[in-house]
């Protein structure tokens, strides 16, 4: 089974992303920050399953999105990471790309836009 990990400190955002991607046939996992997500990714991989995509917010407590991407890239260089954030500032986008982000989507998002981007990234 392949998983999509949704990492955001807002339960509402996590749920709306999950709702938008519900029809894709992936197991959906939620984490409230980067540290929580890294633990969950280890657990998924430990069961012999795989993460197809991480969708991560930038501004979160404990471990922010940029730090998460850097840490995630140490254990997984190829799985796409989509940044979902209210940030549209060039510096943040550049930092995300340098850390290893595969794409960027700004909140609020349209469900169809989210679905289109995710389908491109997980092919």
N, C-alpha and C. Protein backbone atom coordinates (compact mmCIF):
# COMPACT_ATOMS: atom_id res chain seq x y z
N UNK A 1 0.85 -1.19 0.00
CA UNK A 1 0.00 0.00 0.00
C UNK A 1 0.88 1.24 0.00
N UNK A 2 0.53 2.20 -0.84
CA UNK A 2 1.26 3.47 -0.88
C UNK A 2 0.49 4.52 -0.09
N UNK A 3 1.24 5.39 0.58
CA UNK A 3 0.66 6.39 1.47
C UNK A 3 0.93 7.81 0.97
N UNK A 4 -0.01 8.71 1.28
CA UNK A 4 0.21 10.15 1.12
C UNK A 4 0.20 10.72 2.54
N UNK A 5 1.30 11.38 2.91
CA UNK A 5 1.44 11.97 4.24
C UNK A 5 1.10 13.46 4.15
N UNK A 6 0.09 13.88 4.93
CA UNK A 6 -0.33 15.29 4.96
C UNK A 6 0.15 15.89 6.27
N UNK A 7 1.05 16.88 6.17
CA UNK A 7 1.71 17.45 7.35
C UNK A 7 1.33 18.92 7.49
N UNK A 8 0.51 19.21 8.50
CA UNK A 8 0.07 20.58 8.73
C UNK A 8 -0.38 20.68 10.17
N UNK A 9 -0.11 21.82 10.82
CA UNK A 9 -0.52 21.96 12.22
C UNK A 9 -2.02 22.27 12.34
N UNK A 10 -2.70 22.48 11.22
CA UNK A 10 -4.15 22.72 11.24
C UNK A 10 -4.91 21.44 10.89
N UNK A 11 -5.68 20.90 11.84
CA UNK A 11 -6.49 19.71 11.56
C UNK A 11 -7.47 19.94 10.41
N UNK A 12 -7.97 21.18 10.28
CA UNK A 12 -8.92 21.51 9.21
C UNK A 12 -8.26 21.37 7.84
N UNK A 13 -7.05 21.88 7.71
CA UNK A 13 -6.32 21.78 6.45
C UNK A 13 -6.01 20.31 6.14
N UNK A 14 -5.54 19.56 7.13
CA UNK A 14 -5.23 18.14 6.90
C UNK A 14 -6.46 17.41 6.38
N UNK A 15 -7.60 17.66 7.01
CA UNK A 15 -8.84 17.00 6.62
C UNK A 15 -9.27 17.42 5.21
N UNK A 16 -9.13 18.71 4.89
CA UNK A 16 -9.56 19.15 3.56
C UNK A 16 -8.65 18.62 2.45
N UNK A 17 -7.36 18.46 2.74
CA UNK A 17 -6.44 17.85 1.75
C UNK A 17 -6.84 16.38 1.56
N UNK A 18 -7.08 15.69 2.65
CA UNK A 18 -7.48 14.29 2.58
C UNK A 18 -8.77 14.14 1.77
N UNK A 19 -9.72 15.03 2.01
CA UNK A 19 -10.99 15.02 1.28
C UNK A 19 -10.76 15.23 -0.22
N UNK A 20 -9.89 16.19 -0.56
CA UNK A 20 -9.60 16.51 -1.97
C UNK A 20 -8.98 15.31 -2.70
N UNK A 21 -8.21 14.50 -1.98
CA UNK A 21 -7.46 13.41 -2.62
C UNK A 21 -8.08 12.03 -2.38
N UNK A 22 -9.23 12.01 -1.78
CA UNK A 22 -9.88 10.78 -1.37
C UNK A 22 -10.02 9.74 -2.47
N UNK A 23 -10.30 10.16 -3.69
CA UNK A 23 -10.56 9.21 -4.77
C UNK A 23 -9.33 8.61 -5.43
N UNK A 24 -8.14 8.96 -4.97
CA UNK A 24 -6.92 8.51 -5.66
C UNK A 24 -6.48 7.09 -5.29
N UNK A 25 -7.03 6.54 -4.22
CA UNK A 25 -6.70 5.17 -3.86
C UNK A 25 -5.44 4.99 -3.02
N UNK A 26 -4.99 6.05 -2.39
CA UNK A 26 -3.83 5.96 -1.50
C UNK A 26 -4.30 5.94 -0.05
N UNK A 27 -3.50 5.33 0.82
CA UNK A 27 -3.76 5.45 2.26
C UNK A 27 -3.37 6.87 2.63
N UNK A 28 -4.21 7.54 3.41
CA UNK A 28 -3.91 8.92 3.80
C UNK A 28 -3.44 8.93 5.26
N UNK A 29 -2.33 9.59 5.51
CA UNK A 29 -1.79 9.70 6.86
C UNK A 29 -1.64 11.17 7.19
N UNK A 30 -1.88 11.53 8.45
CA UNK A 30 -1.77 12.92 8.87
C UNK A 30 -0.72 13.07 9.97
N UNK A 31 -0.01 14.20 9.91
CA UNK A 31 0.96 14.54 10.96
C UNK A 31 0.81 16.02 11.27
N UNK A 32 1.02 16.38 12.55
CA UNK A 32 0.80 17.78 12.93
C UNK A 32 2.05 18.66 12.84
N UNK A 33 3.23 18.04 12.61
CA UNK A 33 4.45 18.81 12.38
C UNK A 33 5.49 17.89 11.74
N UNK A 34 6.64 18.44 11.37
CA UNK A 34 7.66 17.67 10.67
C UNK A 34 8.21 16.51 11.48
N UNK A 35 8.38 16.72 12.78
CA UNK A 35 8.91 15.67 13.64
C UNK A 35 7.95 14.48 13.72
N UNK A 36 6.67 14.78 13.91
CA UNK A 36 5.61 13.78 13.94
C UNK A 36 5.59 13.00 12.61
N UNK A 37 5.73 13.74 11.51
CA UNK A 37 5.71 13.11 10.17
C UNK A 37 6.89 12.16 9.97
N UNK A 38 8.09 12.56 10.41
CA UNK A 38 9.27 11.69 10.24
C UNK A 38 9.07 10.37 10.97
N UNK A 39 8.50 10.43 12.19
CA UNK A 39 8.21 9.20 12.95
C UNK A 39 7.23 8.30 12.19
N UNK A 40 6.19 8.92 11.64
CA UNK A 40 5.16 8.16 10.92
C UNK A 40 5.71 7.56 9.62
N UNK A 41 6.58 8.31 8.94
CA UNK A 41 7.22 7.80 7.71
C UNK A 41 8.07 6.57 8.05
N UNK A 42 8.85 6.65 9.14
CA UNK A 42 9.67 5.51 9.58
C UNK A 42 8.79 4.29 9.86
N UNK A 43 7.67 4.51 10.51
CA UNK A 43 6.74 3.44 10.84
C UNK A 43 6.16 2.79 9.58
N UNK A 44 5.78 3.61 8.60
CA UNK A 44 5.23 3.11 7.32
C UNK A 44 6.28 2.26 6.61
N UNK A 45 7.50 2.81 6.49
CA UNK A 45 8.58 2.09 5.81
C UNK A 45 8.97 0.82 6.57
N UNK A 46 8.88 0.89 7.91
CA UNK A 46 9.19 -0.26 8.75
C UNK A 46 8.23 -1.43 8.52
N UNK A 47 7.02 -1.12 8.05
CA UNK A 47 6.04 -2.17 7.74
C UNK A 47 6.19 -2.67 6.31
N UNK A 48 7.21 -2.16 5.61
CA UNK A 48 7.45 -2.57 4.23
C UNK A 48 6.53 -1.87 3.24
N UNK A 49 5.90 -0.80 3.68
CA UNK A 49 5.05 -0.02 2.79
C UNK A 49 5.80 1.24 2.36
N UNK A 50 5.19 2.02 1.49
CA UNK A 50 5.91 3.14 0.93
C UNK A 50 5.10 4.43 0.97
N UNK A 51 5.80 5.55 1.05
CA UNK A 51 5.16 6.86 0.99
C UNK A 51 5.30 7.35 -0.46
N UNK A 52 4.17 7.63 -1.10
CA UNK A 52 4.17 8.07 -2.50
C UNK A 52 4.40 9.57 -2.60
N UNK A 53 3.99 10.31 -1.54
CA UNK A 53 4.03 11.77 -1.57
C UNK A 53 3.90 12.33 -0.16
N UNK A 54 4.62 13.41 0.11
CA UNK A 54 4.40 14.18 1.34
C UNK A 54 3.88 15.55 0.92
N UNK A 55 2.84 16.01 1.61
CA UNK A 55 2.31 17.36 1.40
C UNK A 55 2.55 18.09 2.72
N UNK A 56 3.35 19.15 2.67
CA UNK A 56 3.81 19.75 3.93
C UNK A 56 3.63 21.27 3.97
N UNK A 57 3.16 21.75 5.13
CA UNK A 57 3.05 23.18 5.40
C UNK A 57 4.45 23.69 5.76
N UNK A 58 4.68 24.99 5.61
CA UNK A 58 5.98 25.57 5.98
C UNK A 58 6.00 25.98 7.45
N UNK A 59 5.00 26.76 7.87
CA UNK A 59 5.00 27.33 9.22
C UNK A 59 4.27 26.42 10.21
N UNK A 60 5.05 25.65 10.99
CA UNK A 60 4.49 24.75 12.00
C UNK A 60 5.39 24.79 13.23
N UNK A 61 4.81 24.52 14.41
CA UNK A 61 5.63 24.42 15.62
C UNK A 61 6.46 23.12 15.61
N UNK A 62 7.37 22.96 16.53
CA UNK A 62 8.25 21.79 16.72
C UNK A 62 9.24 21.63 15.57
N UNK A 63 8.76 21.30 14.36
CA UNK A 63 9.65 21.24 13.19
C UNK A 63 8.90 21.80 12.00
N UNK A 64 9.43 22.87 11.41
CA UNK A 64 8.77 23.50 10.27
C UNK A 64 8.97 22.69 8.98
N UNK A 65 8.28 23.11 7.93
CA UNK A 65 8.30 22.37 6.67
C UNK A 65 9.65 22.30 5.98
N UNK A 66 10.39 23.40 5.99
CA UNK A 66 11.71 23.43 5.33
C UNK A 66 12.65 22.44 6.04
N UNK A 67 12.66 22.46 7.37
CA UNK A 67 13.49 21.54 8.14
C UNK A 67 13.06 20.10 7.87
N UNK A 68 11.74 19.85 7.84
CA UNK A 68 11.22 18.51 7.55
C UNK A 68 11.74 18.02 6.20
N UNK A 69 11.65 18.87 5.18
CA UNK A 69 12.08 18.44 3.84
C UNK A 69 13.56 18.03 3.87
N UNK A 70 14.39 18.85 4.53
CA UNK A 70 15.82 18.53 4.63
C UNK A 70 16.05 17.20 5.33
N UNK A 71 15.34 16.96 6.43
CA UNK A 71 15.49 15.70 7.19
C UNK A 71 14.94 14.52 6.39
N UNK A 72 13.80 14.72 5.74
CA UNK A 72 13.17 13.67 4.94
C UNK A 72 14.08 13.27 3.78
N UNK A 73 14.74 14.25 3.17
CA UNK A 73 15.64 13.98 2.04
C UNK A 73 16.85 13.13 2.46
N UNK A 74 17.21 13.14 3.74
CA UNK A 74 18.32 12.30 4.21
C UNK A 74 17.94 10.82 4.17
N UNK A 75 16.66 10.51 4.33
CA UNK A 75 16.21 9.11 4.34
C UNK A 75 15.49 8.72 3.05
N UNK A 76 15.06 9.71 2.27
CA UNK A 76 14.31 9.43 1.04
C UNK A 76 14.57 10.55 0.05
N UNK A 77 15.40 10.26 -0.95
CA UNK A 77 15.79 11.32 -1.89
C UNK A 77 14.81 11.48 -3.04
N UNK A 78 13.92 10.48 -3.25
CA UNK A 78 13.14 10.47 -4.49
C UNK A 78 11.65 10.75 -4.35
N UNK A 79 11.07 10.47 -3.19
CA UNK A 79 9.63 10.70 -3.01
C UNK A 79 9.32 12.18 -3.14
N UNK A 80 8.33 12.54 -3.98
CA UNK A 80 8.00 13.97 -4.13
C UNK A 80 7.47 14.58 -2.84
N UNK A 81 7.81 15.86 -2.64
CA UNK A 81 7.31 16.62 -1.49
C UNK A 81 6.65 17.88 -2.05
N UNK A 82 5.35 18.01 -1.78
CA UNK A 82 4.58 19.17 -2.23
C UNK A 82 4.40 20.11 -1.04
N UNK A 83 4.81 21.36 -1.21
CA UNK A 83 4.65 22.34 -0.15
C UNK A 83 3.27 22.99 -0.29
N UNK A 84 2.51 22.98 0.81
CA UNK A 84 1.18 23.60 0.86
C UNK A 84 1.24 24.68 1.92
N UNK A 85 1.14 25.96 1.52
CA UNK A 85 1.38 27.03 2.48
C UNK A 85 0.66 28.31 2.11
N UNK A 86 0.57 29.22 3.05
CA UNK A 86 0.06 30.56 2.77
C UNK A 86 1.20 31.45 2.25
N UNK A 87 2.42 30.95 2.35
CA UNK A 87 3.60 31.72 1.92
C UNK A 87 3.72 31.72 0.40
N UNK A 88 3.81 32.90 -0.20
CA UNK A 88 4.08 32.95 -1.63
C UNK A 88 5.33 33.79 -1.90
N UNK A 89 6.05 34.11 -0.82
CA UNK A 89 7.25 34.91 -0.89
C UNK A 89 8.38 34.12 -1.57
N UNK A 90 9.07 34.79 -2.50
CA UNK A 90 10.14 34.15 -3.28
C UNK A 90 11.19 33.45 -2.42
N UNK A 91 11.62 34.10 -1.33
CA UNK A 91 12.66 33.54 -0.46
C UNK A 91 12.26 32.20 0.12
N UNK A 92 11.00 32.09 0.54
CA UNK A 92 10.50 30.83 1.11
C UNK A 92 10.43 29.76 0.03
N UNK A 93 9.97 30.14 -1.16
CA UNK A 93 9.87 29.18 -2.27
C UNK A 93 11.27 28.67 -2.62
N UNK A 94 12.24 29.59 -2.69
CA UNK A 94 13.63 29.22 -3.00
C UNK A 94 14.19 28.27 -1.92
N UNK A 95 13.94 28.60 -0.64
CA UNK A 95 14.41 27.75 0.46
C UNK A 95 13.78 26.36 0.38
N UNK A 96 12.50 26.31 0.03
CA UNK A 96 11.81 25.03 -0.13
C UNK A 96 12.40 24.19 -1.25
N UNK A 97 12.67 24.85 -2.38
CA UNK A 97 13.26 24.14 -3.53
C UNK A 97 14.67 23.65 -3.19
N UNK A 98 15.45 24.50 -2.52
CA UNK A 98 16.82 24.11 -2.14
C UNK A 98 16.81 22.92 -1.18
N UNK A 99 15.80 22.87 -0.30
CA UNK A 99 15.70 21.76 0.65
C UNK A 99 15.27 20.47 -0.06
N UNK A 100 14.64 20.60 -1.22
CA UNK A 100 14.24 19.42 -1.98
C UNK A 100 12.76 19.31 -2.28
N UNK A 101 12.01 20.42 -2.18
CA UNK A 101 10.59 20.39 -2.51
C UNK A 101 10.40 20.16 -4.00
N UNK A 102 9.35 19.40 -4.34
CA UNK A 102 9.07 19.07 -5.74
C UNK A 102 8.06 20.02 -6.35
N UNK A 103 7.24 20.68 -5.51
CA UNK A 103 6.21 21.57 -6.01
C UNK A 103 5.69 22.45 -4.89
N UNK A 104 4.81 23.39 -5.26
CA UNK A 104 4.34 24.41 -4.33
C UNK A 104 2.89 24.71 -4.64
N UNK A 105 2.03 24.71 -3.64
CA UNK A 105 0.64 25.12 -3.82
C UNK A 105 0.26 26.05 -2.66
N UNK A 106 -0.42 27.15 -3.01
CA UNK A 106 -0.74 28.16 -2.00
C UNK A 106 -2.16 27.96 -1.48
N UNK A 107 -2.33 28.07 -0.14
CA UNK A 107 -3.65 28.00 0.49
C UNK A 107 -4.35 29.34 0.28
N UNK A 108 -5.66 29.36 0.18
CA UNK A 108 -6.54 28.19 0.06
C UNK A 108 -6.42 27.60 -1.34
N UNK A 109 -6.61 26.29 -1.45
CA UNK A 109 -6.47 25.62 -2.74
C UNK A 109 -7.84 25.14 -3.21
N UNK A 110 -7.94 24.94 -4.54
CA UNK A 110 -9.14 24.33 -5.10
C UNK A 110 -8.88 22.81 -5.15
N UNK A 111 -9.88 22.02 -4.80
CA UNK A 111 -9.70 20.56 -4.78
C UNK A 111 -9.16 20.02 -6.11
N UNK A 112 -9.67 20.53 -7.22
CA UNK A 112 -9.23 20.04 -8.54
C UNK A 112 -7.75 20.37 -8.77
N UNK A 113 -7.32 21.57 -8.36
CA UNK A 113 -5.90 21.95 -8.52
C UNK A 113 -5.01 21.01 -7.72
N UNK A 114 -5.43 20.73 -6.48
CA UNK A 114 -4.67 19.81 -5.61
C UNK A 114 -4.57 18.44 -6.27
N UNK A 115 -5.69 17.94 -6.75
CA UNK A 115 -5.75 16.62 -7.40
C UNK A 115 -4.83 16.59 -8.63
N UNK A 116 -4.87 17.64 -9.46
CA UNK A 116 -4.05 17.69 -10.68
C UNK A 116 -2.57 17.66 -10.35
N UNK A 117 -2.15 18.47 -9.39
CA UNK A 117 -0.73 18.53 -9.00
C UNK A 117 -0.27 17.19 -8.43
N UNK A 118 -1.08 16.62 -7.54
CA UNK A 118 -0.72 15.34 -6.92
C UNK A 118 -0.61 14.24 -7.98
N UNK A 119 -1.54 14.20 -8.91
CA UNK A 119 -1.47 13.17 -9.95
C UNK A 119 -0.22 13.31 -10.81
N UNK A 120 0.23 14.55 -11.07
CA UNK A 120 1.47 14.76 -11.82
C UNK A 120 2.67 14.25 -11.02
N UNK A 121 2.67 14.52 -9.71
CA UNK A 121 3.83 14.17 -8.87
C UNK A 121 3.94 12.67 -8.56
N UNK A 122 2.83 11.96 -8.48
CA UNK A 122 2.91 10.56 -8.06
C UNK A 122 2.92 9.55 -9.22
N UNK A 123 3.03 10.03 -10.44
CA UNK A 123 3.08 9.11 -11.59
C UNK A 123 4.39 8.36 -11.64
